[in-house]
Amino acid sequence: MKKTVLSTVSLMIMSIGIYAESSVSDTFKHGTISGQLRAGYIYVDPDHSMLPNHYTTAVGGQLKYETATYYGFSAGAAFYTSHALLGLSGDREEGKFNEEMADNAHYDILAEAYINYHYEDFNLRVGRQLIDTPYADSDDIRMTPNTFEGIVASYDMGSVTLLGAYLTRWQGPDATYEFEDIIEGKEGVAMLGATYSKENLEGGLWYYHADGTAEIIYGDIADTYTFSKELSLKGALQAAHQHEADRSGIEGTLLGAMAQLQYKGLTLGIAYDRVLVDEDKAYFSGFGGGVGFVNMFEMTAGVLSAHQDISAWKGSVAYDFSNDGISGLTIGYDYGHFEGDALHEADEHNLILAYAPSDTWDLEMVYDRIDDKHKDILEDDETHAHLDYSLSRLLVRANYNF
C-alpha cells in the first residue's frame, strides 16, 4: 500500500487556503522561475560476452516555479523530464538501449511539489523535495536527481543546525522515475540530525529509523589546516553503526578516514573505509549515493558487503587550470580498490573532466572502468552463476542553467 504525506492535489488546496484572496495574485506574480536544460550521453561496454554494448543519448532537465513568501509561507513545484533521442541511441529490441538516462525511452514527473514555512531561523517543508543527508540524498548522477516525499524541518542556530525529517516515498536514478515507497511495504524513514560548521571545522551526527530495515547512527568530522594561501591539508573521520530491525538482515559497522592536500591548483587525496559485517548480514548504503569516503562513480564502500567484511581505499589527483588561464577547467583521476574478506575483489578507475566557465553552463565527462578481479560479482538471475562484472562506461553531460 502506498503511503503519501500530501498528494499534489492536497498541496494545491492547502496553498489556496493559506493566502487571502487579495494576496494570491501578488504572491504568484512575484514568484521565480528557474531550471536546467541537460543533454546527456552514456555508453557501456561490458566485458562479459553475453551482454551487448548499450548506449543512449537523451535531452531533458528541470523546470521549477516557486511563489514569493507571504507571512512566511511559500509553495514550489518542479517538473523533471528526460527523453531519449532514439536515432542516437542503441536499438531496444537488440538490448542495446541503456535505460539509465531515459527509463522506457522517456519519463516526465512532477518531482517537487511542496509547501514551505519559514520563520526567523526555523524552516518547515512538506511535500516532494530535494534533500541531501548522509543516508538519503539527491545523487544527481544521470539526467535528473532523486527527490523525496515527506516532511523536513530545520532550525539554524548559527554554527549548529538541527534537522528532523520523515520520508515516505522517493523517485530518481537510485529508485525508479515514479514515486514509490521508500521502503516497500513499510512506513518510511524517520531522521534526526545535527551539523556543526565554524571556520575550518565541520561535522555531523545523524540518527535514522528505517522501518523494518535498521536503526542507523552516523557521524563524521573534518578539519582543514591552512599552511599558507596556496597550501592546505584537510582530514576527516567517519563512523556508522547499523542495528537490524525486524530480522531484515541489515547490520554492520562502517569506519573511515581520509586526507586531502591542496597546493595551488593541484589536489591529492587518499581515503580508506572498512565495513564490518557478520556472515549472515549485509551493510545498507542508504537511499542515494552512500556515505563512504571511498565511494566511486559506480562502486561504494558497502557494495560487496553481503555476508562479509570489506576493505576499500581510494587515491585521487585533480588539477584546476583556473590559475593557468582556463577558468573552470578541472581534470581528475580516482582509483578505488574494493576487497571482501571471503570473496569478490574489484578495481575502479574514474577519469573526470569538468568545465564550468560560468554559472550559466557547464560540461562534464566521466570515463569509468571496473575490473572484476575474480569475475564473480555479477550474478545470473536464472542460474545464479557468477559472471564477469568488468565494464567500461562513458558519461557526458552538458548543462544550461537559467
Protein backbone atom coordinates (compact mmCIF):
# COMPACT_ATOMS: atom_id res chain seq x y z
CA MET A 1 0.00 0.00 0.00
CA LYS A 2 1.37 3.40 -0.96
CA LYS A 3 1.81 5.91 1.85
CA THR A 4 1.66 9.58 0.87
CA VAL A 5 2.28 12.51 3.19
CA LEU A 6 0.49 15.01 0.98
CA SER A 7 -0.68 14.46 -2.58
CA THR A 8 -0.12 17.12 -5.21
CA VAL A 9 -3.82 17.96 -5.15
CA SER A 10 -3.90 18.45 -1.39
CA LEU A 11 -0.80 20.65 -1.62
CA MET A 12 -2.56 22.94 -4.05
CA ILE A 13 -5.68 23.08 -1.86
CA MET A 14 -3.56 23.87 1.16
CA SER A 15 -1.75 26.69 -0.68
CA ILE A 16 -5.04 28.29 -1.69
CA GLY A 17 -6.24 28.19 1.90
CA ILE A 18 -3.08 29.84 3.17
CA TYR A 19 -3.33 33.03 1.17
CA ALA A 20 -6.04 35.64 1.43
CA GLU A 21 -7.67 36.24 -1.93
CA SER A 22 -6.23 39.76 -2.27
CA SER A 23 -2.70 38.40 -1.76
CA VAL A 24 -2.76 35.39 -4.07
CA SER A 25 -2.17 37.45 -7.20
CA ASP A 26 0.90 39.25 -5.79
CA THR A 27 2.31 36.07 -4.30
CA PHE A 28 2.27 34.27 -7.64
CA LYS A 29 3.16 37.35 -9.70
CA HIS A 30 6.40 37.84 -7.78
CA GLY A 31 7.36 34.17 -7.88
CA THR A 32 10.53 32.90 -9.54
CA ILE A 33 11.13 30.51 -12.42
CA SER A 34 14.35 28.53 -12.64
CA GLY A 35 15.54 25.37 -14.28
CA GLN A 36 18.16 23.41 -16.14
CA LEU A 37 18.40 22.06 -19.67
CA ARG A 38 20.56 18.94 -19.89
CA ALA A 39 21.86 16.83 -22.77
CA GLY A 40 23.40 13.50 -21.83
CA TYR A 41 25.10 10.53 -23.44
CA ILE A 42 26.05 7.20 -21.87
CA TYR A 43 27.89 4.26 -23.41
CA VAL A 44 28.51 1.00 -21.53
CA ASP A 45 30.79 -1.77 -22.82
CA PRO A 46 30.51 -4.91 -20.62
CA ASP A 47 33.40 -7.36 -20.78
CA HIS A 48 31.01 -10.30 -20.47
CA SER A 49 30.45 -11.74 -23.93
CA MET A 50 26.73 -12.39 -23.39
CA LEU A 51 25.99 -8.75 -22.61
CA PRO A 52 25.89 -6.31 -25.58
CA ASN A 53 27.21 -2.78 -25.63
CA HIS A 54 24.40 -0.35 -24.84
CA TYR A 55 24.14 3.41 -25.21
CA THR A 56 21.63 6.25 -25.08
CA THR A 57 21.52 9.93 -25.96
CA ALA A 58 18.90 11.97 -24.12
CA VAL A 59 17.70 15.53 -23.60
CA GLY A 60 15.75 16.78 -20.62
CA GLY A 61 16.12 18.75 -17.44
CA GLN A 62 14.10 20.60 -14.83
CA LEU A 63 11.63 23.48 -14.78
CA LYS A 64 10.77 24.95 -11.37
CA TYR A 65 8.39 27.64 -10.13
CA GLU A 66 8.38 29.00 -6.59
CA THR A 67 5.98 31.61 -5.27
CA ALA A 68 7.01 34.65 -3.27
CA THR A 69 6.74 34.42 0.51
CA TYR A 70 3.57 35.56 2.28
CA TYR A 71 3.67 35.63 6.09
CA GLY A 72 6.44 33.03 5.94
CA PHE A 73 4.61 30.68 3.56
CA SER A 74 5.59 29.82 0.00
CA ALA A 75 4.93 26.99 -2.44
CA GLY A 76 7.01 25.38 -5.13
CA ALA A 77 6.79 22.80 -7.89
CA ALA A 78 9.34 21.35 -10.31
CA PHE A 79 8.84 19.21 -13.39
CA TYR A 80 11.63 16.75 -14.31
CA THR A 81 11.91 15.11 -17.72
CA SER A 82 14.21 13.06 -19.91
CA HIS A 83 13.57 11.88 -23.48
CA ALA A 84 15.87 9.62 -25.46
CA LEU A 85 16.91 10.55 -28.98
CA LEU A 86 16.22 7.15 -30.48
CA GLY A 87 18.19 7.84 -33.65
CA LEU A 88 21.28 8.43 -31.49
CA SER A 89 20.65 5.53 -29.10
CA GLY A 90 21.01 1.76 -29.23
CA ASP A 91 18.28 -0.50 -30.57
CA ARG A 92 15.88 -1.52 -27.80
CA GLU A 93 14.91 -4.87 -29.37
CA GLU A 94 18.57 -5.88 -29.55
CA GLY A 95 19.18 -4.94 -25.91
CA LYS A 96 21.50 -2.08 -26.88
CA PHE A 97 19.40 0.70 -25.33
CA ASN A 98 20.65 1.99 -21.96
CA GLU A 99 17.72 2.61 -19.59
CA GLU A 100 19.72 4.72 -17.10
CA MET A 101 19.30 8.00 -19.00
CA ALA A 102 15.66 7.65 -20.05
CA ASP A 103 13.72 4.80 -18.48
CA ASN A 104 11.41 3.25 -21.12
CA ALA A 105 12.79 5.86 -23.58
CA HIS A 106 11.36 8.80 -21.61
CA TYR A 107 9.93 9.94 -18.29
CA ASP A 108 8.04 13.04 -17.14
CA ILE A 109 7.39 13.57 -13.46
CA LEU A 110 6.29 16.26 -11.00
CA ALA A 111 9.37 15.64 -8.87
CA GLU A 112 8.96 18.58 -6.48
CA ALA A 113 5.68 19.91 -5.07
CA TYR A 114 5.80 21.43 -1.61
CA ILE A 115 4.59 23.99 0.87
CA ASN A 116 7.34 25.82 2.76
CA TYR A 117 7.09 27.80 6.00
CA HIS A 118 10.00 29.96 7.21
CA TYR A 119 10.09 31.97 10.44
CA GLU A 120 13.35 33.52 11.60
CA ASP A 121 15.73 30.54 11.99
CA PHE A 122 13.08 27.82 11.62
CA ASN A 123 12.08 26.19 8.31
CA LEU A 124 9.45 23.53 7.58
CA ARG A 125 8.86 21.96 4.18
CA VAL A 126 6.07 19.47 3.40
CA GLY A 127 5.76 17.51 0.15
CA ARG A 128 8.08 16.41 -2.65
CA GLN A 129 11.53 17.96 -2.31
CA LEU A 130 15.28 17.74 -2.76
CA ILE A 131 17.27 16.77 0.33
CA ASP A 132 20.92 15.91 0.95
CA THR A 133 21.75 13.95 4.10
CA PRO A 134 24.24 11.09 4.62
CA TYR A 135 21.81 8.20 4.01
CA ALA A 136 19.23 10.00 1.83
CA ASP A 137 20.49 12.32 -0.89
CA SER A 138 19.82 13.68 -4.38
CA ASP A 139 22.69 11.75 -6.08
CA ASP A 140 22.41 13.60 -9.42
CA ILE A 141 24.34 11.02 -11.47
CA ARG A 142 22.26 10.74 -14.67
CA MET A 143 19.63 13.14 -16.12
CA THR A 144 17.71 14.24 -13.01
CA PRO A 145 18.28 13.72 -9.26
CA ASN A 146 16.49 11.80 -6.52
CA THR A 147 13.70 13.63 -4.71
CA PHE A 148 11.79 12.57 -1.61
CA GLU A 149 8.23 12.93 -0.38
CA GLY A 150 7.82 13.80 3.28
CA ILE A 151 8.27 16.43 5.97
CA VAL A 152 11.63 18.15 6.64
CA ALA A 153 12.25 20.68 9.41
CA SER A 154 15.41 22.59 10.31
CA TYR A 155 16.50 25.13 12.92
CA ASP A 156 19.59 27.26 12.31
CA MET A 157 21.48 28.18 15.47
CA GLY A 158 24.46 29.75 13.74
CA SER A 159 27.30 27.25 13.76
CA VAL A 160 24.87 24.45 14.66
CA THR A 161 21.88 23.34 12.57
CA LEU A 162 19.27 20.89 13.84
CA LEU A 163 17.28 18.79 11.35
CA GLY A 164 14.38 16.37 11.51
CA ALA A 165 12.52 14.53 8.76
CA TYR A 166 10.03 11.82 7.99
CA LEU A 167 10.23 10.41 4.44
CA THR A 168 7.71 8.05 2.85
CA ARG A 169 8.34 7.90 -0.91
CA TRP A 170 11.05 8.74 -3.44
CA GLN A 171 11.99 8.73 -7.13
CA GLY A 172 15.16 9.13 -9.16
CA PRO A 173 18.20 7.34 -10.58
CA ASP A 174 18.58 5.20 -7.46
CA ALA A 175 14.89 4.19 -7.45
CA THR A 176 12.51 4.44 -10.42
CA TYR A 177 11.29 7.55 -12.21
CA GLU A 178 7.92 7.47 -10.48
CA PHE A 179 7.25 7.89 -6.79
CA GLU A 180 7.30 4.62 -4.86
CA ASP A 181 7.52 3.59 -1.20
CA ILE A 182 10.96 4.41 0.12
CA ILE A 183 10.85 1.00 1.84
CA GLU A 184 8.43 -1.36 0.10
CA GLY A 185 5.53 -2.31 2.34
CA LYS A 186 6.86 -0.30 5.30
CA GLU A 187 6.01 3.03 6.90
CA GLY A 188 9.07 5.09 5.92
CA VAL A 189 12.23 6.65 7.33
CA ALA A 190 12.47 8.98 10.33
CA MET A 191 15.61 11.08 10.69
CA LEU A 192 17.21 13.39 13.27
CA GLY A 193 20.47 15.22 12.69
CA ALA A 194 22.75 17.97 13.91
CA THR A 195 25.53 19.61 11.91
CA TYR A 196 28.33 21.91 13.05
CA SER A 197 30.35 24.31 10.92
CA LYS A 198 32.68 27.04 12.14
CA GLU A 199 35.78 28.30 10.37
CA ASN A 200 37.70 25.19 9.21
CA LEU A 201 35.94 22.63 11.45
CA GLU A 202 32.75 20.84 10.42
CA GLY A 203 30.91 17.69 11.40
CA GLY A 204 27.57 16.00 11.84
CA LEU A 205 25.72 13.43 13.91
CA TRP A 206 22.71 11.60 12.44
CA TYR A 207 20.12 9.04 13.50
CA TYR A 208 17.85 7.15 11.08
CA HIS A 209 14.99 4.78 11.81
CA ALA A 210 14.28 2.90 8.58
CA ASP A 211 11.09 0.98 9.29
CA GLY A 212 11.59 -2.77 9.13
CA THR A 213 15.18 -2.31 7.99
CA ALA A 214 17.63 -0.84 10.52
CA GLU A 215 18.42 1.73 13.17
CA ILE A 216 21.40 3.77 11.93
CA ILE A 217 23.75 6.11 13.79
CA TYR A 218 26.27 8.02 11.69
CA GLY A 219 28.83 10.70 12.50
CA ASP A 220 31.67 12.48 10.74
CA ILE A 221 34.12 15.27 11.47
CA ALA A 222 36.52 17.18 9.21
CA ASP A 223 39.12 19.87 9.80
CA THR A 224 41.22 21.91 7.39
CA TYR A 225 44.61 23.33 8.33
CA THR A 226 45.85 26.20 6.18
CA PHE A 227 49.62 26.45 5.95
CA SER A 228 49.55 29.36 3.52
CA LYS A 229 47.36 30.96 0.88
CA GLU A 230 48.42 28.24 -1.56
CA LEU A 231 48.78 25.17 0.68
CA SER A 232 46.17 23.43 2.89
CA LEU A 233 45.54 19.98 4.36
CA LYS A 234 42.09 18.52 5.13
CA GLY A 235 41.49 15.45 7.26
CA ALA A 236 38.24 13.66 8.11
CA LEU A 237 36.91 10.68 10.05
CA GLN A 238 33.57 8.88 9.74
CA ALA A 239 31.78 6.08 11.56
CA ALA A 240 28.38 4.40 11.30
CA HIS A 241 26.61 1.54 13.04
CA GLN A 242 23.51 -0.22 11.75
CA HIS A 243 21.34 -2.35 14.05
CA GLU A 244 18.96 -4.85 12.45
CA ALA A 245 15.19 -4.30 12.63
CA ASP A 246 12.54 -6.99 12.09
CA ARG A 247 15.09 -9.61 11.01
CA SER A 248 15.90 -7.64 7.87
CA GLY A 249 19.46 -8.95 7.65
CA ILE A 250 20.82 -5.39 7.69
CA GLU A 251 23.50 -4.87 10.33
CA GLY A 252 27.06 -3.60 10.12
CA THR A 253 29.67 -1.01 11.02
CA LEU A 254 31.48 1.50 8.80
CA LEU A 255 34.80 3.12 9.78
CA GLY A 256 36.60 5.56 7.51
CA ALA A 257 39.38 8.15 7.26
CA MET A 258 40.57 10.49 4.54
CA ALA A 259 43.21 13.16 3.90
CA GLN A 260 43.39 15.76 1.14
CA LEU A 261 46.34 18.00 0.32
CA GLN A 262 45.80 21.07 -1.85
CA TYR A 263 48.61 23.13 -3.36
CA LYS A 264 47.64 25.89 -5.78
CA GLY A 265 45.51 24.10 -8.42
CA LEU A 266 46.68 20.59 -7.50
CA THR A 267 44.70 18.35 -5.12
CA LEU A 268 45.94 14.96 -3.87
CA GLY A 269 43.71 12.68 -1.80
CA ILE A 270 43.70 9.31 -0.09
CA ALA A 271 40.82 7.58 1.73
CA TYR A 272 40.11 4.28 3.48
CA ASP A 273 36.89 2.59 4.55
CA ARG A 274 36.37 -0.64 6.49
CA VAL A 275 32.92 -2.26 6.57
CA LEU A 276 32.39 -4.92 9.26
CA VAL A 277 29.52 -7.37 8.68
CA ASP A 278 28.57 -10.70 10.25
CA GLU A 279 28.35 -13.76 7.99
CA ASP A 280 24.54 -13.69 7.76
CA LYS A 281 24.13 -9.87 7.49
CA ALA A 282 24.71 -7.06 5.00
CA TYR A 283 25.55 -3.36 5.18
CA PHE A 284 22.93 -0.88 3.90
CA SER A 285 24.25 2.01 1.75
CA GLY A 286 21.10 4.11 2.09
CA PHE A 287 18.82 5.94 -0.31
CA GLY A 288 21.20 7.65 -2.72
CA GLY A 289 24.92 7.73 -3.33
CA GLY A 290 26.09 6.41 0.03
CA VAL A 291 28.30 7.95 2.71
CA GLY A 292 31.68 6.23 2.28
CA PHE A 293 34.85 8.23 1.70
CA VAL A 294 35.82 5.59 -0.90
CA ASN A 295 32.68 5.96 -3.00
CA MET A 296 33.47 5.94 -6.71
CA PHE A 297 31.37 6.67 -9.79
CA GLU A 298 29.85 3.18 -9.63
CA MET A 299 31.09 1.24 -6.61
CA THR A 300 30.71 2.23 -2.96
CA ALA A 301 32.30 1.07 0.26
CA GLY A 302 29.38 -1.22 1.03
CA VAL A 303 28.69 -2.63 -2.43
CA LEU A 304 30.30 -6.04 -1.76
CA SER A 305 29.29 -6.27 1.89
CA ALA A 306 26.75 -9.13 1.79
CA HIS A 307 27.89 -11.66 4.43
CA GLN A 308 31.50 -10.43 4.59
CA ASP A 309 33.79 -7.64 5.78
CA ILE A 310 35.06 -5.18 3.17
CA SER A 311 38.23 -3.14 2.85
CA ALA A 312 38.21 -0.24 0.41
CA TRP A 313 40.69 2.52 -0.34
CA LYS A 314 40.93 5.33 -2.87
CA GLY A 315 43.66 7.53 -4.27
CA SER A 316 42.84 10.67 -6.22
CA VAL A 317 44.51 13.52 -8.06
CA ALA A 318 42.91 16.58 -9.65
CA TYR A 319 44.15 19.79 -11.21
CA ASP A 320 42.26 23.07 -11.56
CA PHE A 321 43.50 25.09 -14.54
CA SER A 322 41.91 28.37 -13.39
CA ASN A 323 45.30 29.81 -12.37
CA ASP A 324 46.69 28.86 -15.79
CA GLY A 325 44.23 30.94 -17.78
CA ILE A 326 41.48 28.33 -18.33
CA SER A 327 38.86 29.29 -15.78
CA GLY A 328 36.54 26.49 -14.69
CA LEU A 329 38.51 23.57 -16.18
CA THR A 330 39.34 20.65 -13.85
CA ILE A 331 40.77 17.26 -14.78
CA GLY A 332 40.97 14.45 -12.22
CA TYR A 333 41.66 10.77 -11.79
CA ASP A 334 40.38 8.47 -8.99
CA TYR A 335 41.45 4.91 -8.32
CA GLY A 336 39.47 2.70 -5.95
CA HIS A 337 40.18 -0.82 -4.72
CA PHE A 338 37.46 -2.96 -3.09
CA GLU A 339 38.12 -6.34 -1.50
CA GLY A 340 35.97 -8.72 0.53
CA ASP A 341 37.44 -10.90 3.24
CA ALA A 342 35.73 -14.00 1.80
CA LEU A 343 35.17 -13.32 -1.92
CA HIS A 344 34.93 -10.57 -4.53
CA GLU A 345 37.69 -8.12 -5.43
CA ALA A 346 37.48 -5.21 -7.86
CA ASP A 347 39.25 -2.05 -9.00
CA GLU A 348 37.56 1.04 -10.36
CA HIS A 349 39.17 3.84 -12.35
CA ASN A 350 37.45 7.21 -12.88
CA LEU A 351 38.80 9.80 -15.31
CA ILE A 352 36.91 13.05 -14.82
CA LEU A 353 36.82 16.25 -16.86
CA ALA A 354 34.69 19.19 -15.75
CA TYR A 355 34.44 22.57 -17.46
CA ALA A 356 32.31 25.30 -15.86
CA PRO A 357 33.32 28.69 -17.27
CA SER A 358 30.24 30.38 -15.74
CA ASP A 359 27.22 29.73 -13.54
CA THR A 360 25.08 29.51 -16.68
CA TRP A 361 26.54 26.46 -18.39
CA ASP A 362 28.96 23.61 -17.81
CA LEU A 363 30.22 20.40 -19.39
CA GLU A 364 31.27 17.18 -17.66
CA MET A 365 32.68 13.88 -18.81
CA VAL A 366 33.43 10.74 -16.78
CA TYR A 367 35.18 7.66 -18.11
CA ASP A 368 34.70 4.73 -15.75
CA ARG A 369 36.50 1.38 -15.81
CA ILE A 370 35.64 -1.52 -13.46
CA ASP A 371 37.86 -4.60 -13.26
CA ASP A 372 36.20 -7.59 -11.59
CA LYS A 373 39.34 -9.44 -10.43
CA HIS A 374 37.72 -12.81 -9.75
CA LYS A 375 34.91 -12.47 -12.32
CA ASP A 376 32.39 -13.32 -9.61
CA ILE A 377 30.48 -10.13 -8.72
CA LEU A 378 27.68 -10.17 -11.30
CA GLU A 379 25.10 -12.95 -10.88
CA ASP A 380 22.81 -14.50 -13.48
CA ASP A 381 19.20 -14.06 -12.31
CA GLU A 382 18.12 -17.51 -13.54
CA THR A 383 21.09 -19.78 -12.82
CA HIS A 384 22.67 -17.70 -10.00
CA ALA A 385 26.03 -18.38 -11.63
CA HIS A 386 28.74 -15.76 -11.16
CA LEU A 387 29.51 -13.60 -14.20
CA ASP A 388 32.22 -11.08 -15.01
CA TYR A 389 31.14 -7.58 -13.84
CA SER A 390 34.02 -5.81 -15.62
CA LEU A 391 32.93 -2.94 -17.86
CA SER A 392 33.85 0.39 -19.38
CA ARG A 393 31.46 3.34 -19.26
CA LEU A 394 31.48 6.84 -20.72
CA LEU A 395 29.09 9.52 -19.45
CA VAL A 396 28.92 13.00 -20.97
CA ARG A 397 26.54 15.75 -19.79
CA ALA A 398 26.08 19.36 -20.88
CA ASN A 399 24.03 21.65 -18.61
CA TYR A 400 22.48 25.07 -19.16
CA ASN A 401 21.06 26.75 -16.05
CA PHE A 402 18.52 29.55 -16.03
